Amino acid sequence: MGGQVVDVAIVSGPQIFHESVTKAIYQYKCISLPEEAYAVQEFVFVVEDSADIRIRYSTRPNGPIFRVLQTGLGKISFVASESTEPYASPTCRASPNKVIDLNGRPPSQMVSDAINLELTEANSFSAETVFRVSVDAIDFSSAFKGYWDFKVTVISPSGERVAFESRRTFETDLLSASKFCYNGTKAFIPGVQDLILNILSSSEFRRLVAAKSQPK
């Protein structure tokens, strides 16, 4: 109204972001119209590695992970645990270029940050109940079938360990190395999303969550 935003109604999303989003929207300038106008805007929050913008984790609003977290899993959080082996980004076929570059960031830290972002988005984050995640291996195939393989171990607050595996395949092109490399980079974050979904939806993980809430 009058070229200004006069009211903001946030209908979904984690409470922690509401104040910042509201303040930002009130800074908008609008085209002055004779009648009131209403607009809908969607915000997507991401964890981004500032040193390499290719490696950026983003949530999917109302996606599979969000829906799993709405089924009574409870409020939890994750921290990184030491991996059993160091991780070095693979190169793409004969090229010396890396397929991904974490810029020295431990894979376990990247995965735990990604899970916590999903938990925050679903209003399921709590620092009071902390699980640890260790990325044991990340394997990349540049042969006839392209894929990312993830192997991780989740450690409960009581120290119980459960292993998880996940594979994300992607389209390969035997004639175009550049296209193959691009597809490999593009498939990494969806592969992490697949891994998180496998962890949070598994009966074994739900057993760990249930065990931590039972009286000793």
Protein backbone atom coordinates (compact mmCIF):
# COMPACT_ATOMS: atom_id res chain seq x y z
CA MET A 1 0.00 0.00 0.00
CA GLY A 2 1.40 3.36 -1.00
CA GLY A 3 4.53 1.66 -2.35
CA GLN A 4 5.33 0.12 1.03
CA VAL A 5 4.94 -3.32 2.61
CA VAL A 6 2.45 -2.87 5.45
CA ASP A 7 2.01 -6.44 6.71
CA VAL A 8 3.97 -9.72 6.62
CA ALA A 9 2.46 -13.11 7.47
CA ILE A 10 4.87 -16.06 7.70
CA VAL A 11 2.96 -19.28 7.19
CA SER A 12 5.69 -21.91 7.55
CA GLY A 13 9.37 -22.45 8.24
CA PRO A 14 11.52 -22.57 11.38
CA GLN A 15 10.84 -19.90 14.00
CA ILE A 16 14.51 -18.99 14.21
CA PHE A 17 14.36 -17.29 10.78
CA HIS A 18 11.03 -15.46 11.16
CA GLU A 19 12.33 -12.18 12.59
CA SER A 20 15.11 -11.80 10.01
CA VAL A 21 12.81 -12.60 7.09
CA THR A 22 10.14 -10.18 8.33
CA LYS A 23 12.66 -7.34 8.70
CA ALA A 24 14.01 -8.00 5.20
CA ILE A 25 10.57 -7.97 3.58
CA TYR A 26 9.65 -4.66 5.23
CA GLN A 27 12.56 -3.11 3.33
CA TYR A 28 10.93 -3.93 -0.02
CA LYS A 29 9.68 -1.09 -2.22
CA CYS A 30 6.55 -1.72 -4.26
CA ILE A 31 4.73 -0.21 -7.22
CA SER A 32 2.01 2.07 -5.91
CA LEU A 33 -1.44 0.72 -6.85
CA PRO A 34 -4.93 2.11 -6.17
CA GLU A 35 -5.86 -1.06 -4.25
CA GLU A 36 -4.10 -3.35 -1.82
CA ALA A 37 -1.94 -6.04 -3.40
CA TYR A 38 -0.86 -9.37 -1.93
CA ALA A 39 2.27 -11.34 -2.85
CA VAL A 40 3.64 -14.73 -1.85
CA GLN A 41 7.38 -15.33 -1.56
CA GLU A 42 9.30 -18.50 -0.73
CA PHE A 43 12.73 -18.48 0.91
CA VAL A 44 15.20 -21.39 0.78
CA PHE A 45 17.97 -21.41 3.41
CA VAL A 46 21.23 -23.15 2.62
CA VAL A 47 24.53 -24.06 4.25
CA GLU A 48 27.22 -22.85 1.88
CA ASP A 49 30.95 -23.39 1.78
CA SER A 50 32.12 -19.84 1.12
CA ALA A 51 35.38 -21.06 -0.40
CA ASP A 52 33.65 -23.11 -3.11
CA ILE A 53 30.11 -22.20 -4.13
CA ARG A 54 29.68 -25.50 -5.98
CA ILE A 55 29.40 -27.32 -2.66
CA ARG A 56 26.17 -25.93 -1.27
CA TYR A 57 23.61 -27.89 0.67
CA SER A 58 19.98 -26.87 0.32
CA THR A 59 16.79 -28.24 1.82
CA ARG A 60 13.71 -29.13 -0.20
CA PRO A 61 10.65 -27.41 1.30
CA ASN A 62 8.08 -30.07 2.20
CA GLY A 63 10.33 -32.69 0.61
CA PRO A 64 10.87 -36.32 1.70
CA ILE A 65 13.25 -35.46 4.56
CA PHE A 66 10.93 -32.77 5.89
CA ARG A 67 7.99 -35.20 5.81
CA VAL A 68 9.96 -37.88 7.66
CA LEU A 69 10.78 -35.37 10.39
CA GLN A 70 7.07 -34.64 10.83
CA THR A 71 6.35 -38.23 11.90
CA GLY A 72 7.27 -37.88 15.58
CA LEU A 73 11.01 -38.48 15.43
CA GLY A 74 11.61 -35.94 18.18
CA LYS A 75 14.07 -33.07 18.55
CA ILE A 76 17.74 -33.95 18.13
CA SER A 77 20.98 -32.64 16.62
CA PHE A 78 24.24 -33.92 15.14
CA VAL A 79 27.93 -33.15 15.52
CA ALA A 80 30.85 -34.38 13.46
CA SER A 81 32.90 -37.34 14.63
CA GLU A 82 36.30 -38.33 13.32
CA SER A 83 36.28 -40.30 10.07
CA THR A 84 38.15 -43.59 9.86
CA GLU A 85 40.09 -42.41 6.80
CA PRO A 86 41.03 -39.04 5.29
CA TYR A 87 39.07 -37.78 2.32
CA ALA A 88 40.56 -36.37 -0.86
CA SER A 89 38.30 -35.17 -3.65
CA PRO A 90 38.49 -37.37 -6.75
CA THR A 91 39.45 -35.95 -10.11
CA CYS A 92 37.31 -36.32 -13.19
CA ARG A 93 38.63 -38.97 -15.57
CA ALA A 94 41.85 -37.70 -17.17
CA SER A 95 41.32 -34.15 -15.96
CA PRO A 96 43.34 -32.84 -12.98
CA ASN A 97 40.31 -30.85 -11.82
CA LYS A 98 38.48 -31.98 -8.70
CA VAL A 99 34.89 -33.14 -9.00
CA ILE A 100 34.10 -31.47 -5.69
CA ASP A 101 36.20 -29.36 -3.38
CA LEU A 102 35.43 -29.14 0.33
CA ASN A 103 38.42 -26.81 0.77
CA GLY A 104 39.72 -28.77 3.73
CA ARG A 105 36.32 -29.04 5.39
CA PRO A 106 35.91 -32.50 6.96
CA PRO A 107 33.15 -34.54 5.27
CA SER A 108 31.68 -35.41 8.68
CA GLN A 109 31.28 -31.71 9.41
CA MET A 110 29.57 -31.12 6.08
CA VAL A 111 27.13 -33.99 6.66
CA SER A 112 26.34 -33.02 10.26
CA ASP A 113 25.72 -29.40 9.20
CA ALA A 114 23.40 -30.60 6.45
CA ILE A 115 21.38 -32.80 8.82
CA ASN A 116 21.11 -29.95 11.33
CA LEU A 117 19.82 -27.64 8.59
CA GLU A 118 17.11 -30.20 7.78
CA LEU A 119 16.24 -30.50 11.47
CA THR A 120 16.06 -26.72 11.86
CA GLU A 121 13.87 -26.37 8.78
CA ALA A 122 11.45 -28.93 10.25
CA ASN A 123 11.57 -27.35 13.73
CA SER A 124 13.12 -30.60 15.03
CA PHE A 125 16.52 -29.30 16.18
CA SER A 126 17.60 -29.54 19.81
CA ALA A 127 21.12 -29.29 21.21
CA GLU A 128 20.08 -31.33 24.24
CA THR A 129 20.11 -34.70 22.44
CA VAL A 130 23.22 -35.02 20.29
CA PHE A 131 24.15 -37.80 17.87
CA ARG A 132 27.55 -38.03 16.22
CA VAL A 133 28.15 -38.86 12.56
CA SER A 134 31.36 -40.20 11.07
CA VAL A 135 31.84 -40.30 7.29
CA ASP A 136 33.83 -43.48 6.80
CA ALA A 137 34.10 -43.30 3.00
CA ILE A 138 32.95 -41.31 -0.01
CA ASP A 139 33.60 -43.16 -3.27
CA PHE A 140 33.21 -41.77 -6.76
CA SER A 141 32.92 -43.79 -9.98
CA SER A 142 33.92 -42.33 -13.33
CA ALA A 143 33.62 -45.58 -15.27
CA PHE A 144 30.67 -46.66 -17.41
CA LYS A 145 28.22 -46.01 -14.57
CA GLY A 146 28.65 -42.82 -12.61
CA TYR A 147 27.82 -42.84 -8.91
CA TRP A 148 28.63 -41.48 -5.46
CA ASP A 149 28.83 -44.01 -2.63
CA PHE A 150 28.53 -42.81 0.98
CA LYS A 151 29.37 -44.90 4.04
CA VAL A 152 28.79 -43.36 7.46
CA THR A 153 28.47 -44.39 11.07
CA VAL A 154 25.94 -42.76 13.40
CA ILE A 155 26.78 -42.84 17.11
CA SER A 156 24.03 -42.45 19.70
CA PRO A 157 24.38 -40.42 22.93
CA SER A 158 24.98 -43.71 24.76
CA GLY A 159 27.74 -44.75 22.33
CA GLU A 160 25.87 -47.31 20.23
CA ARG A 161 27.05 -47.33 16.60
CA VAL A 162 24.98 -48.03 13.47
CA ALA A 163 26.39 -48.05 9.93
CA PHE A 164 24.55 -46.62 6.91
CA GLU A 165 25.26 -46.72 3.19
CA SER A 166 23.79 -44.81 0.27
CA ARG A 167 24.42 -44.63 -3.48
CA ARG A 168 23.48 -41.84 -5.89
CA THR A 169 23.84 -42.63 -9.60
CA PHE A 170 24.02 -40.06 -12.37
CA GLU A 171 24.03 -39.94 -16.15
CA THR A 172 27.36 -40.59 -17.83
CA ASP A 173 28.58 -39.55 -21.27
CA LEU A 174 31.44 -41.56 -22.71
CA LEU A 175 32.02 -39.00 -25.47
CA SER A 176 31.94 -35.83 -23.38
CA ALA A 177 34.19 -35.71 -20.34
CA SER A 178 33.08 -32.18 -19.46
CA LYS A 179 29.42 -33.21 -19.35
CA PHE A 180 30.26 -36.22 -17.22
CA CYS A 181 32.26 -34.08 -14.78
CA TYR A 182 29.41 -31.58 -14.54
CA ASN A 183 26.90 -34.37 -13.84
CA GLY A 184 29.17 -35.78 -11.15
CA THR A 185 29.47 -32.45 -9.37
CA LYS A 186 25.74 -31.80 -9.68
CA ALA A 187 24.88 -35.22 -8.19
CA PHE A 188 26.90 -34.79 -4.99
CA ILE A 189 24.40 -32.79 -2.92
CA PRO A 190 21.41 -34.95 -3.98
CA GLY A 191 23.56 -37.88 -2.87
CA VAL A 192 23.96 -36.29 0.56
CA GLN A 193 20.18 -35.77 0.68
CA ASP A 194 19.62 -39.45 -0.12
CA LEU A 195 22.00 -40.38 2.69
CA ILE A 196 20.22 -38.17 5.22
CA LEU A 197 16.84 -39.58 4.20
CA ASN A 198 18.15 -43.15 4.62
CA ILE A 199 19.43 -42.34 8.11
CA LEU A 200 16.40 -40.49 9.45
CA SER A 201 13.82 -42.90 8.00
CA SER A 202 15.54 -46.13 9.06
CA SER A 203 14.09 -48.28 11.81
CA GLU A 204 17.56 -48.64 13.36
CA PHE A 205 17.96 -44.90 13.80
CA ARG A 206 14.46 -44.56 15.21
CA ARG A 207 15.36 -47.28 17.68
CA LEU A 208 18.37 -45.22 18.81
CA VAL A 209 16.21 -42.14 19.22
CA ALA A 210 13.61 -44.09 21.20
CA ALA A 211 16.30 -45.64 23.41
CA LYS A 212 17.70 -42.26 24.47
CA SER A 213 14.28 -41.15 25.73
CA GLN A 214 13.61 -44.26 27.83
CA PRO A 215 14.27 -44.01 31.59
CA LYS A 216 17.31 -45.88 32.84
